[in-house]
């Protein structure tokens, strides 16, 4: 939209006279230091507000409604809730188990202790997959070995987009679980007002479940508290390391994947995934999600990002922030 302003015509001599008068007035009445400081503070505050607004506007419902029609190409549309899944949950589970088993073997001595404790404490035998040996690998190397690619957080290629997620090694085939969206899981009826203030990392699932992916402030304290609460003996039921700069689960960076644009179409999409009861207890320590309420009977909700096409090394991941269910 273009806005044209009509200005009254004045001869150049008159304009020169006005400029001369302004210069003379500024010499006679220089700006006081207090005024200059106030002006500088106002401009700094305005710039800070603009930067905050750029990151928050995608969560501001009135702005979203007004701009949906303008961003048709950046929307993902499905006919039913069940059609939101690009790959079956079984394939997601298989990818996670494949990575988590490699991470568990990387713990070496701790792995052997957990096997013995699992048999005595829970009366469960460790599966053959979890008993197999191999070289100890960690984080990045485990991801490259088990999934064939490696992710890293770096400044986004989009201007003013902050941090982004890039594939730095290997290749991601279409339909691969690329990342996970970490955070505390809230049911639609659970309180999240204080955590939501100034929080650009709230993810809303199709059924109204919310995931708070903020790694700072109240959100960080809530996650660590819930994670400690759910511990079963020596077994952690969730991974708190995603709150640091070096998560032990290298997939737990989904909250930093930026929204697509007209110039950069989406190459990954969000997919809701409920962790099955059969998920091995000794591998749950790598899940970057935890329930807010301990007595919630529903399975743990996770959100994974699945590749829409083959993604090569050097590419940044872009998703659709909005899914329209018809």
C-alpha atoms as a PDB file:
ATOM      1  CA  UNK A   1       0.000   0.000   0.000  1.00  0.00           C
ATOM      2  CA  UNK A   2       1.357   3.348  -0.990  1.00  0.00           C
ATOM      3  CA  UNK A   3       0.474   6.586   0.817  1.00  0.00           C
ATOM      4  CA  UNK A   4       0.938   9.876  -0.965  1.00  0.00           C
ATOM      5  CA  UNK A   5       1.135  13.151   0.951  1.00  0.00           C
ATOM      6  CA  UNK A   6       0.421  16.506  -0.704  1.00  0.00           C
ATOM      7  CA  UNK A   7       2.799  19.298   0.349  1.00  0.00           C
ATOM      8  CA  UNK A   8       2.189  23.010  -0.339  1.00  0.00           C
ATOM      9  CA  UNK A   9       4.491  24.448  -3.000  1.00  0.00           C
ATOM     10  CA  UNK A  10       7.038  27.003  -1.892  1.00  0.00           C
ATOM     11  CA  UNK A  11       9.746  28.678  -3.946  1.00  0.00           C
ATOM     12  CA  UNK A  12      13.331  27.640  -3.305  1.00  0.00           C
ATOM     13  CA  UNK A  13      14.212  31.064  -1.906  1.00  0.00           C
ATOM     14  CA  UNK A  14      11.592  30.647   0.807  1.00  0.00           C
ATOM     15  CA  UNK A  15      12.896  27.174   1.673  1.00  0.00           C
ATOM     16  CA  UNK A  16      16.451  28.502   1.949  1.00  0.00           C
ATOM     17  CA  UNK A  17      15.174  31.248   4.241  1.00  0.00           C
ATOM     18  CA  UNK A  18      13.496  28.682   6.533  1.00  0.00           C
ATOM     19  CA  UNK A  19      16.656  26.555   6.704  1.00  0.00           C
ATOM     20  CA  UNK A  20      18.736  29.633   7.570  1.00  0.00           C
ATOM     21  CA  UNK A  21      16.305  30.618  10.314  1.00  0.00           C
ATOM     22  CA  UNK A  22      16.364  27.100  11.787  1.00  0.00           C
ATOM     23  CA  UNK A  23      20.169  27.097  11.875  1.00  0.00           C
ATOM     24  CA  UNK A  24      20.214  30.479  13.557  1.00  0.00           C
ATOM     25  CA  UNK A  25      17.638  29.383  16.125  1.00  0.00           C
ATOM     26  CA  UNK A  26      19.589  26.227  16.922  1.00  0.00           C
ATOM     27  CA  UNK A  27      22.671  28.344  17.598  1.00  0.00           C
ATOM     28  CA  UNK A  28      20.724  30.711  19.835  1.00  0.00           C
ATOM     29  CA  UNK A  29      18.788  27.939  21.638  1.00  0.00           C
ATOM     30  CA  UNK A  30      20.890  24.726  21.640  1.00  0.00           C
ATOM     31  CA  UNK A  31      19.198  21.478  22.752  1.00  0.00           C
ATOM     32  CA  UNK A  32      19.649  20.920  26.482  1.00  0.00           C
ATOM     33  CA  UNK A  33      21.447  17.684  27.554  1.00  0.00           C
ATOM     34  CA  UNK A  34      18.332  16.449  29.383  1.00  0.00           C
ATOM     35  CA  UNK A  35      16.247  16.706  26.222  1.00  0.00           C
ATOM     36  CA  UNK A  36      18.896  14.924  24.160  1.00  0.00           C
ATOM     37  CA  UNK A  37      19.115  12.119  26.731  1.00  0.00           C
ATOM     38  CA  UNK A  38      15.343  11.731  26.810  1.00  0.00           C
ATOM     39  CA  UNK A  39      15.208  11.657  23.022  1.00  0.00           C
ATOM     40  CA  UNK A  40      17.928   9.004  22.882  1.00  0.00           C
ATOM     41  CA  UNK A  41      16.148   6.868  25.519  1.00  0.00           C
ATOM     42  CA  UNK A  42      12.866   7.150  23.639  1.00  0.00           C
ATOM     43  CA  UNK A  43      14.465   6.040  20.368  1.00  0.00           C
ATOM     44  CA  UNK A  44      16.207   3.123  22.104  1.00  0.00           C
ATOM     45  CA  UNK A  45      12.956   2.019  23.745  1.00  0.00           C
ATOM     46  CA  UNK A  46      11.094   2.303  20.443  1.00  0.00           C
ATOM     47  CA  UNK A  47      13.729   0.206  18.666  1.00  0.00           C
ATOM     48  CA  UNK A  48      13.574  -2.421  21.423  1.00  0.00           C
ATOM     49  CA  UNK A  49       9.785  -2.551  21.154  1.00  0.00           C
ATOM     50  CA  UNK A  50       9.975  -2.987  17.383  1.00  0.00           C
ATOM     51  CA  UNK A  51      12.422  -5.904  17.751  1.00  0.00           C
ATOM     52  CA  UNK A  52      10.178  -7.549  20.365  1.00  0.00           C
ATOM     53  CA  UNK A  53       7.129  -7.061  18.181  1.00  0.00           C
ATOM     54  CA  UNK A  54       8.788  -8.723  15.195  1.00  0.00           C
ATOM     55  CA  UNK A  55       9.288 -11.917  17.191  1.00  0.00           C
ATOM     56  CA  UNK A  56       6.001 -11.798  19.127  1.00  0.00           C
ATOM     57  CA  UNK A  57       3.535 -10.799  16.396  1.00  0.00           C
ATOM     58  CA  UNK A  58       3.297 -14.371  15.093  1.00  0.00           C
ATOM     59  CA  UNK A  59       1.727 -15.323  18.463  1.00  0.00           C
ATOM     60  CA  UNK A  60      -0.634 -12.315  18.606  1.00  0.00           C
ATOM     61  CA  UNK A  61      -4.013 -13.675  17.459  1.00  0.00           C
ATOM     62  CA  UNK A  62      -5.486 -10.421  16.018  1.00  0.00           C
ATOM     63  CA  UNK A  63      -2.337  -9.879  13.934  1.00  0.00           C
ATOM     64  CA  UNK A  64      -2.418 -13.497  12.758  1.00  0.00           C
ATOM     65  CA  UNK A  65      -6.074 -13.244  11.685  1.00  0.00           C
ATOM     66  CA  UNK A  66      -5.487 -10.003   9.779  1.00  0.00           C
ATOM     67  CA  UNK A  67      -2.423 -11.366   7.999  1.00  0.00           C
ATOM     68  CA  UNK A  68      -3.499 -14.921   7.119  1.00  0.00           C
ATOM     69  CA  UNK A  69      -4.808 -13.888   3.725  1.00  0.00           C
ATOM     70  CA  UNK A  70      -1.608 -11.961   2.995  1.00  0.00           C
ATOM     71  CA  UNK A  71       0.618 -14.955   3.736  1.00  0.00           C
ATOM     72  CA  UNK A  72      -1.212 -17.688   1.838  1.00  0.00           C
ATOM     73  CA  UNK A  73       1.991 -19.367   0.656  1.00  0.00           C
ATOM     74  CA  UNK A  74       3.359 -19.704   4.204  1.00  0.00           C
ATOM     75  CA  UNK A  75       0.341 -21.656   5.500  1.00  0.00           C
ATOM     76  CA  UNK A  76       0.051 -25.421   5.797  1.00  0.00           C
ATOM     77  CA  UNK A  77      -3.437 -26.800   5.231  1.00  0.00           C
ATOM     78  CA  UNK A  78      -4.845 -30.186   6.226  1.00  0.00           C
ATOM     79  CA  UNK A  79      -8.352 -31.594   5.857  1.00  0.00           C
ATOM     80  CA  UNK A  80      -8.486 -33.362   9.245  1.00  0.00           C
ATOM     81  CA  UNK A  81      -6.482 -33.480  12.456  1.00  0.00           C
ATOM     82  CA  UNK A  82      -5.269 -36.971  11.613  1.00  0.00           C
ATOM     83  CA  UNK A  83      -3.968 -35.710   8.267  1.00  0.00           C
ATOM     84  CA  UNK A  84      -1.460 -33.532  10.117  1.00  0.00           C
ATOM     85  CA  UNK A  85       0.953 -36.482  10.318  1.00  0.00           C
ATOM     86  CA  UNK A  86       3.436 -36.731   7.469  1.00  0.00           C
ATOM     87  CA  UNK A  87       4.841 -40.077   8.683  1.00  0.00           C
ATOM     88  CA  UNK A  88       3.380 -42.700  11.052  1.00  0.00           C
ATOM     89  CA  UNK A  89       4.148 -42.426  14.762  1.00  0.00           C
ATOM     90  CA  UNK A  90       5.942 -45.765  14.555  1.00  0.00           C
ATOM     91  CA  UNK A  91       8.558 -44.255  12.253  1.00  0.00           C
ATOM     92  CA  UNK A  92       9.043 -41.336  14.634  1.00  0.00           C
ATOM     93  CA  UNK A  93       9.514 -43.750  17.534  1.00  0.00           C
ATOM     94  CA  UNK A  94      12.019 -45.761  15.515  1.00  0.00           C
ATOM     95  CA  UNK A  95      14.131 -42.691  14.738  1.00  0.00           C
ATOM     96  CA  UNK A  96      14.128 -41.541  18.352  1.00  0.00           C
ATOM     97  CA  UNK A  97      14.987 -44.997  19.695  1.00  0.00           C
ATOM     98  CA  UNK A  98      17.801 -45.316  17.186  1.00  0.00           C
ATOM     99  CA  UNK A  99      19.394 -42.063  18.374  1.00  0.00           C
ATOM    100  CA  UNK A 100      18.682 -42.554  22.075  1.00  0.00           C
ATOM    101  CA  UNK A 101      20.274 -46.009  22.125  1.00  0.00           C
ATOM    102  CA  UNK A 102      23.473 -44.603  20.671  1.00  0.00           C
ATOM    103  CA  UNK A 103      23.409 -41.820  23.268  1.00  0.00           C
ATOM    104  CA  UNK A 104      22.859 -44.346  26.062  1.00  0.00           C
ATOM    105  CA  UNK A 105      25.805 -46.479  24.971  1.00  0.00           C
ATOM    106  CA  UNK A 106      27.905 -43.328  25.040  1.00  0.00           C
ATOM    107  CA  UNK A 107      27.423 -43.150  28.810  1.00  0.00           C
ATOM    108  CA  UNK A 108      29.645 -46.220  29.195  1.00  0.00           C
ATOM    109  CA  UNK A 109      29.760 -47.229  32.861  1.00  0.00           C
ATOM    110  CA  UNK A 110      26.482 -45.463  33.648  1.00  0.00           C
ATOM    111  CA  UNK A 111      24.824 -47.579  30.988  1.00  0.00           C
ATOM    112  CA  UNK A 112      25.879 -50.810  32.724  1.00  0.00           C
ATOM    113  CA  UNK A 113      24.674 -49.546  36.107  1.00  0.00           C
ATOM    114  CA  UNK A 114      21.264 -48.592  34.707  1.00  0.00           C
ATOM    115  CA  UNK A 115      20.842 -52.064  33.180  1.00  0.00           C
ATOM    116  CA  UNK A 116      21.417 -53.691  36.568  1.00  0.00           C
ATOM    117  CA  UNK A 117      19.197 -51.230  38.410  1.00  0.00           C
ATOM    118  CA  UNK A 118      16.415 -51.676  35.858  1.00  0.00           C
ATOM    119  CA  UNK A 119      16.378 -55.430  36.459  1.00  0.00           C
ATOM    120  CA  UNK A 120      16.369 -55.099  40.268  1.00  0.00           C
ATOM    121  CA  UNK A 121      14.277 -51.946  40.658  1.00  0.00           C
ATOM    122  CA  UNK A 122      11.587 -52.525  38.026  1.00  0.00           C
ATOM    123  CA  UNK A 123      11.888 -56.226  37.356  1.00  0.00           C
ATOM    124  CA  UNK A 124      12.433 -55.504  33.640  1.00  0.00           C
ATOM    125  CA  UNK A 125      15.030 -57.051  31.397  1.00  0.00           C
ATOM    126  CA  UNK A 126      17.004 -54.825  29.049  1.00  0.00           C
ATOM    127  CA  UNK A 127      16.239 -55.473  25.391  1.00  0.00           C
ATOM    128  CA  UNK A 128      18.849 -56.874  23.039  1.00  0.00           C
ATOM    129  CA  UNK A 129      19.062 -53.550  21.232  1.00  0.00           C
ATOM    130  CA  UNK A 130      20.032 -51.785  24.461  1.00  0.00           C
ATOM    131  CA  UNK A 131      22.518 -54.495  25.446  1.00  0.00           C
ATOM    132  CA  UNK A 132      24.561 -54.313  22.275  1.00  0.00           C
ATOM    133  CA  UNK A 133      27.987 -52.787  22.596  1.00  0.00           C
ATOM    134  CA  UNK A 134      29.864 -50.427  20.351  1.00  0.00           C
ATOM    135  CA  UNK A 135      32.097 -47.403  20.463  1.00  0.00           C
ATOM    136  CA  UNK A 136      31.053 -44.632  22.835  1.00  0.00           C
ATOM    137  CA  UNK A 137      29.825 -41.572  20.965  1.00  0.00           C
ATOM    138  CA  UNK A 138      28.148 -38.424  22.228  1.00  0.00           C
ATOM    139  CA  UNK A 139      25.727 -35.723  21.069  1.00  0.00           C
ATOM    140  CA  UNK A 140      26.804 -34.520  17.646  1.00  0.00           C
ATOM    141  CA  UNK A 141      28.661 -37.698  16.669  1.00  0.00           C
ATOM    142  CA  UNK A 142      25.760 -39.850  17.861  1.00  0.00           C
ATOM    143  CA  UNK A 143      23.383 -37.896  15.669  1.00  0.00           C
ATOM    144  CA  UNK A 144      25.636 -38.220  12.644  1.00  0.00           C
ATOM    145  CA  UNK A 145      26.158 -41.937  13.233  1.00  0.00           C
ATOM    146  CA  UNK A 146      22.535 -42.886  13.875  1.00  0.00           C
ATOM    147  CA  UNK A 147      20.597 -40.434  11.665  1.00  0.00           C
ATOM    148  CA  UNK A 148      23.158 -39.440   9.046  1.00  0.00           C
ATOM    149  CA  UNK A 149      23.101 -35.669   9.615  1.00  0.00           C
ATOM    150  CA  UNK A 150      24.032 -33.034  12.163  1.00  0.00           C
ATOM    151  CA  UNK A 151      22.272 -29.817  13.224  1.00  0.00           C
ATOM    152  CA  UNK A 152      23.699 -26.604  14.628  1.00  0.00           C
ATOM    153  CA  UNK A 153      22.254 -23.323  15.918  1.00  0.00           C
ATOM    154  CA  UNK A 154      23.605 -20.223  14.171  1.00  0.00           C
ATOM    155  CA  UNK A 155      22.392 -16.730  13.249  1.00  0.00           C
ATOM    156  CA  UNK A 156      19.528 -17.106  10.793  1.00  0.00           C
ATOM    157  CA  UNK A 157      19.922 -16.274   7.118  1.00  0.00           C
ATOM    158  CA  UNK A 158      16.751 -14.174   7.430  1.00  0.00           C
ATOM    159  CA  UNK A 159      17.211 -10.552   8.530  1.00  0.00           C
ATOM    160  CA  UNK A 160      16.093  -9.833  12.102  1.00  0.00           C
ATOM    161  CA  UNK A 161      15.141 -13.485  12.637  1.00  0.00           C
ATOM    162  CA  UNK A 162      17.614 -14.162  15.451  1.00  0.00           C
ATOM    163  CA  UNK A 163      18.885 -17.706  15.860  1.00  0.00           C
ATOM    164  CA  UNK A 164      18.204 -20.383  13.246  1.00  0.00           C
ATOM    165  CA  UNK A 165      18.832 -24.121  12.852  1.00  0.00           C
ATOM    166  CA  UNK A 166      21.054 -25.414  10.043  1.00  0.00           C
ATOM    167  CA  UNK A 167      21.993 -28.809   8.665  1.00  0.00           C
ATOM    168  CA  UNK A 168      25.782 -28.592   8.812  1.00  0.00           C
ATOM    169  CA  UNK A 169      26.757 -32.180   7.957  1.00  0.00           C
ATOM    170  CA  UNK A 170      25.211 -35.047   6.035  1.00  0.00           C
ATOM    171  CA  UNK A 171      21.872 -35.125   4.238  1.00  0.00           C
ATOM    172  CA  UNK A 172      18.302 -35.314   5.534  1.00  0.00           C
ATOM    173  CA  UNK A 173      16.012 -37.552   3.411  1.00  0.00           C
ATOM    174  CA  UNK A 174      12.348 -36.655   2.990  1.00  0.00           C
ATOM    175  CA  UNK A 175      10.132 -37.888   5.834  1.00  0.00           C
ATOM    176  CA  UNK A 176      12.907 -37.883   8.444  1.00  0.00           C
ATOM    177  CA  UNK A 177      12.463 -36.734  12.042  1.00  0.00           C
ATOM    178  CA  UNK A 178      14.777 -33.719  12.027  1.00  0.00           C
ATOM    179  CA  UNK A 179      14.201 -32.047  15.411  1.00  0.00           C
ATOM    180  CA  UNK A 180      12.042 -31.978  18.537  1.00  0.00           C
ATOM    181  CA  UNK A 181      10.234 -29.042  20.138  1.00  0.00           C
ATOM    182  CA  UNK A 182      11.267 -29.117  23.829  1.00  0.00           C
ATOM    183  CA  UNK A 183       9.413 -27.727  26.807  1.00  0.00           C
ATOM    184  CA  UNK A 184       6.771 -28.196  29.484  1.00  0.00           C
ATOM    185  CA  UNK A 185       3.486 -29.658  28.220  1.00  0.00           C
ATOM    186  CA  UNK A 186       0.283 -27.956  29.417  1.00  0.00           C
ATOM    187  CA  UNK A 187      -3.229 -29.243  28.886  1.00  0.00           C
ATOM    188  CA  UNK A 188      -5.742 -26.670  27.636  1.00  0.00           C
ATOM    189  CA  UNK A 189      -7.182 -26.181  31.139  1.00  0.00           C
ATOM    190  CA  UNK A 190      -3.874 -25.767  33.007  1.00  0.00           C
ATOM    191  CA  UNK A 191      -2.518 -22.336  34.122  1.00  0.00           C
ATOM    192  CA  UNK A 192       0.177 -20.772  31.949  1.00  0.00           C
ATOM    193  CA  UNK A 193      -0.508 -17.024  32.227  1.00  0.00           C
ATOM    194  CA  UNK A 194       2.696 -16.008  34.018  1.00  0.00           C
ATOM    195  CA  UNK A 195       4.870 -18.205  31.801  1.00  0.00           C
ATOM    196  CA  UNK A 196       3.291 -16.756  28.652  1.00  0.00           C
ATOM    197  CA  UNK A 197       4.125 -13.101  29.382  1.00  0.00           C
ATOM    198  CA  UNK A 198       6.750 -11.963  26.874  1.00  0.00           C
ATOM    199  CA  UNK A 199       7.257 -15.572  25.795  1.00  0.00           C
ATOM    200  CA  UNK A 200       7.697 -16.121  22.019  1.00  0.00           C
ATOM    201  CA  UNK A 201       8.236 -19.895  22.381  1.00  0.00           C
ATOM    202  CA  UNK A 202       4.703 -21.131  23.137  1.00  0.00           C
ATOM    203  CA  UNK A 203       3.576 -23.839  20.724  1.00  0.00           C
ATOM    204  CA  UNK A 204      -0.134 -24.639  20.412  1.00  0.00           C
ATOM    205  CA  UNK A 205      -1.133 -28.097  19.210  1.00  0.00           C
ATOM    206  CA  UNK A 206      -4.269 -28.711  17.178  1.00  0.00           C
ATOM    207  CA  UNK A 207      -6.153 -30.043  20.233  1.00  0.00           C
ATOM    208  CA  UNK A 208      -5.241 -27.017  22.386  1.00  0.00           C
ATOM    209  CA  UNK A 209      -2.287 -28.584  24.234  1.00  0.00           C
ATOM    210  CA  UNK A 210       0.506 -26.026  24.783  1.00  0.00           C
ATOM    211  CA  UNK A 211       4.263 -26.594  24.871  1.00  0.00           C
ATOM    212  CA  UNK A 212       6.402 -23.921  26.515  1.00  0.00           C
ATOM    213  CA  UNK A 213       9.781 -24.005  24.746  1.00  0.00           C
ATOM    214  CA  UNK A 214      11.293 -21.031  26.584  1.00  0.00           C
ATOM    215  CA  UNK A 215      14.641 -21.867  28.207  1.00  0.00           C
ATOM    216  CA  UNK A 216      14.741 -18.844  30.522  1.00  0.00           C
ATOM    217  CA  UNK A 217      12.948 -17.316  33.498  1.00  0.00           C
ATOM    218  CA  UNK A 218       9.853 -18.926  35.029  1.00  0.00           C
ATOM    219  CA  UNK A 219       9.574 -21.417  32.171  1.00  0.00           C
ATOM    220  CA  UNK A 220      13.033 -22.785  32.940  1.00  0.00           C
ATOM    221  CA  UNK A 221      12.285 -23.151  36.652  1.00  0.00           C
ATOM    222  CA  UNK A 222       8.959 -24.901  35.987  1.00  0.00           C
ATOM    223  CA  UNK A 223      10.551 -27.436  33.627  1.00  0.00           C
ATOM    224  CA  UNK A 224      13.384 -28.302  36.040  1.00  0.00           C
ATOM    225  CA  UNK A 225      10.929 -28.639  38.918  1.00  0.00           C
ATOM    226  CA  UNK A 226       8.585 -30.953  36.988  1.00  0.00           C
ATOM    227  CA  UNK A 227      11.511 -33.014  35.708  1.00  0.00           C
ATOM    228  CA  UNK A 228      12.825 -33.615  39.233  1.00  0.00           C
ATOM    229  CA  UNK A 229       9.324 -34.472  40.454  1.00  0.00           C
ATOM    230  CA  UNK A 230       8.830 -37.221  37.841  1.00  0.00           C
ATOM    231  CA  UNK A 231      12.098 -39.011  38.550  1.00  0.00           C
ATOM    232  CA  UNK A 232      11.687 -42.750  39.267  1.00  0.00           C
ATOM    233  CA  UNK A 233      14.574 -43.893  41.424  1.00  0.00           C
ATOM    234  CA  UNK A 234      17.731 -43.520  39.320  1.00  0.00           C
ATOM    235  CA  UNK A 235      15.766 -42.942  36.130  1.00  0.00           C
ATOM    236  CA  UNK A 236      15.120 -39.445  34.820  1.00  0.00           C
ATOM    237  CA  UNK A 237      11.915 -39.214  32.800  1.00  0.00           C
ATOM    238  CA  UNK A 238      13.004 -36.139  30.838  1.00  0.00           C
ATOM    239  CA  UNK A 239      16.065 -34.246  29.655  1.00  0.00           C
ATOM    240  CA  UNK A 240      16.858 -30.867  31.217  1.00  0.00           C
ATOM    241  CA  UNK A 241      20.052 -30.307  29.217  1.00  0.00           C
ATOM    242  CA  UNK A 242      18.112 -28.577  26.413  1.00  0.00           C
ATOM    243  CA  UNK A 243      17.967 -25.609  28.798  1.00  0.00           C
ATOM    244  CA  UNK A 244      21.728 -25.218  28.274  1.00  0.00           C
ATOM    245  CA  UNK A 245      23.749 -24.339  25.190  1.00  0.00           C
ATOM    246  CA  UNK A 246      24.784 -28.007  24.697  1.00  0.00           C
ATOM    247  CA  UNK A 247      21.781 -30.372  24.942  1.00  0.00           C
ATOM    248  CA  UNK A 248      22.677 -34.056  25.233  1.00  0.00           C
ATOM    249  CA  UNK A 249      19.816 -34.794  22.831  1.00  0.00           C
ATOM    250  CA  UNK A 250      20.954 -32.926  19.675  1.00  0.00           C
ATOM    251  CA  UNK A 251      17.410 -32.991  18.254  1.00  0.00           C
ATOM    252  CA  UNK A 252      16.091 -30.687  21.006  1.00  0.00           C
ATOM    253  CA  UNK A 253      16.480 -27.434  19.040  1.00  0.00           C
ATOM    254  CA  UNK A 254      13.068 -27.252  17.350  1.00  0.00           C
ATOM    255  CA  UNK A 255      12.071 -24.036  19.129  1.00  0.00           C
ATOM    256  CA  UNK A 256      14.711 -22.151  17.124  1.00  0.00           C
ATOM    257  CA  UNK A 257      13.428 -23.185  13.682  1.00  0.00           C
ATOM    258  CA  UNK A 258      12.196 -20.025  11.951  1.00  0.00           C
ATOM    259  CA  UNK A 259       9.016 -19.467   9.982  1.00  0.00           C
ATOM    260  CA  UNK A 260       9.129 -19.754   6.207  1.00  0.00           C
ATOM    261  CA  UNK A 261       8.567 -16.863   3.826  1.00  0.00           C
ATOM    262  CA  UNK A 262       7.774 -16.298   0.163  1.00  0.00           C
ATOM    263  CA  UNK A 263      11.487 -16.439  -0.674  1.00  0.00           C
ATOM    264  CA  UNK A 264      12.300 -19.370   1.644  1.00  0.00           C
ATOM    265  CA  UNK A 265       9.542 -22.027   1.544  1.00  0.00           C
ATOM    266  CA  UNK A 266       9.173 -24.550   4.360  1.00  0.00           C
ATOM    267  CA  UNK A 267      11.364 -27.653   4.247  1.00  0.00           C
ATOM    268  CA  UNK A 268      10.107 -29.146   7.542  1.00  0.00           C
ATOM    269  CA  UNK A 269       6.711 -29.333   9.241  1.00  0.00           C
ATOM    270  CA  UNK A 270       5.492 -29.880  12.786  1.00  0.00           C
ATOM    271  CA  UNK A 271       3.951 -33.209  13.720  1.00  0.00           C
ATOM    272  CA  UNK A 272       2.325 -34.054  17.047  1.00  0.00           C
ATOM    273  CA  UNK A 273       3.583 -37.275  18.611  1.00  0.00           C
ATOM    274  CA  UNK A 274       2.334 -39.006  21.760  1.00  0.00           C
ATOM    275  CA  UNK A 275       5.021 -41.099  23.442  1.00  0.00           C
ATOM    276  CA  UNK A 276       3.745 -44.715  23.709  1.00  0.00           C
ATOM    277  CA  UNK A 277       3.696 -46.492  27.073  1.00  0.00           C
ATOM    278  CA  UNK A 278       6.079 -49.078  25.638  1.00  0.00           C
ATOM    279  CA  UNK A 279       8.845 -46.466  25.223  1.00  0.00           C
ATOM    280  CA  UNK A 280      11.843 -47.851  27.209  1.00  0.00           C
ATOM    281  CA  UNK A 281      12.166 -46.233  30.624  1.00  0.00           C
ATOM    282  CA  UNK A 282      15.964 -45.987  30.419  1.00  0.00           C
ATOM    283  CA  UNK A 283      15.645 -43.967  27.184  1.00  0.00           C
ATOM    284  CA  UNK A 284      13.096 -41.441  28.450  1.00  0.00           C
ATOM    285  CA  UNK A 285      15.954 -39.439  29.963  1.00  0.00           C
ATOM    286  CA  UNK A 286      16.542 -38.004  26.460  1.00  0.00           C
ATOM    287  CA  UNK A 287      12.958 -36.768  25.931  1.00  0.00           C
ATOM    288  CA  UNK A 288      13.011 -32.936  26.137  1.00  0.00           C
ATOM    289  CA  UNK A 289       9.393 -32.705  27.306  1.00  0.00           C
ATOM    290  CA  UNK A 290       7.648 -33.067  30.666  1.00  0.00           C
ATOM    291  CA  UNK A 291       4.036 -32.862  31.828  1.00  0.00           C
ATOM    292  CA  UNK A 292       3.068 -29.863  33.936  1.00  0.00           C
ATOM    293  CA  UNK A 293       0.655 -31.975  36.000  1.00  0.00           C
ATOM    294  CA  UNK A 294       1.894 -35.294  37.329  1.00  0.00           C
ATOM    295  CA  UNK A 295      -1.600 -36.822  37.508  1.00  0.00           C
ATOM    296  CA  UNK A 296      -2.469 -36.224  33.854  1.00  0.00           C
ATOM    297  CA  UNK A 297      -3.601 -39.553  32.414  1.00  0.00           C
ATOM    298  CA  UNK A 298      -2.879 -38.662  28.809  1.00  0.00           C
ATOM    299  CA  UNK A 299       0.414 -39.843  27.250  1.00  0.00           C
ATOM    300  CA  UNK A 300       3.311 -37.399  27.067  1.00  0.00           C
ATOM    301  CA  UNK A 301       2.861 -35.068  24.103  1.00  0.00           C
ATOM    302  CA  UNK A 302       5.892 -34.288  21.995  1.00  0.00           C
ATOM    303  CA  UNK A 303       6.145 -32.275  18.792  1.00  0.00           C
ATOM    304  CA  UNK A 304       8.695 -33.301  16.181  1.00  0.00           C
ATOM    305  CA  UNK A 305       9.726 -31.635  12.949  1.00  0.00           C
ATOM    306  CA  UNK A 306       9.661 -33.840   9.864  1.00  0.00           C
ATOM    307  CA  UNK A 307      11.403 -33.015   6.586  1.00  0.00           C
ATOM    308  CA  UNK A 308       9.149 -32.203   3.611  1.00  0.00           C
ATOM    309  CA  UNK A 309      11.924 -32.853   1.102  1.00  0.00           C
ATOM    310  CA  UNK A 310      15.583 -33.851   0.949  1.00  0.00           C
ATOM    311  CA  UNK A 311      17.687 -31.269   2.810  1.00  0.00           C
ATOM    312  CA  UNK A 312      21.401 -30.922   2.118  1.00  0.00           C
ATOM    313  CA  UNK A 313      24.251 -29.609   4.261  1.00  0.00           C
ATOM    314  CA  UNK A 314      24.327 -25.823   4.561  1.00  0.00           C
ATOM    315  CA  UNK A 315      20.542 -25.338   4.382  1.00  0.00           C
ATOM    316  CA  UNK A 316      18.561 -23.650   7.147  1.00  0.00           C
ATOM    317  CA  UNK A 317      15.396 -25.303   8.433  1.00  0.00           C
ATOM    318  CA  UNK A 318      12.139 -23.416   7.868  1.00  0.00           C
ATOM    319  CA  UNK A 319       8.696 -24.476   9.058  1.00  0.00           C
ATOM    320  CA  UNK A 320       5.084 -23.328   8.778  1.00  0.00           C
ATOM    321  CA  UNK A 321       4.057 -21.552  11.959  1.00  0.00           C
ATOM    322  CA  UNK A 322       0.392 -21.923  11.027  1.00  0.00           C
ATOM    323  CA  UNK A 323      -1.575 -25.062  10.135  1.00  0.00           C
ATOM    324  CA  UNK A 324      -5.127 -24.536   8.891  1.00  0.00           C
ATOM    325  CA  UNK A 325      -7.489 -27.470   9.613  1.00  0.00           C
ATOM    326  CA  UNK A 326     -10.532 -27.471   7.321  1.00  0.00           C
END
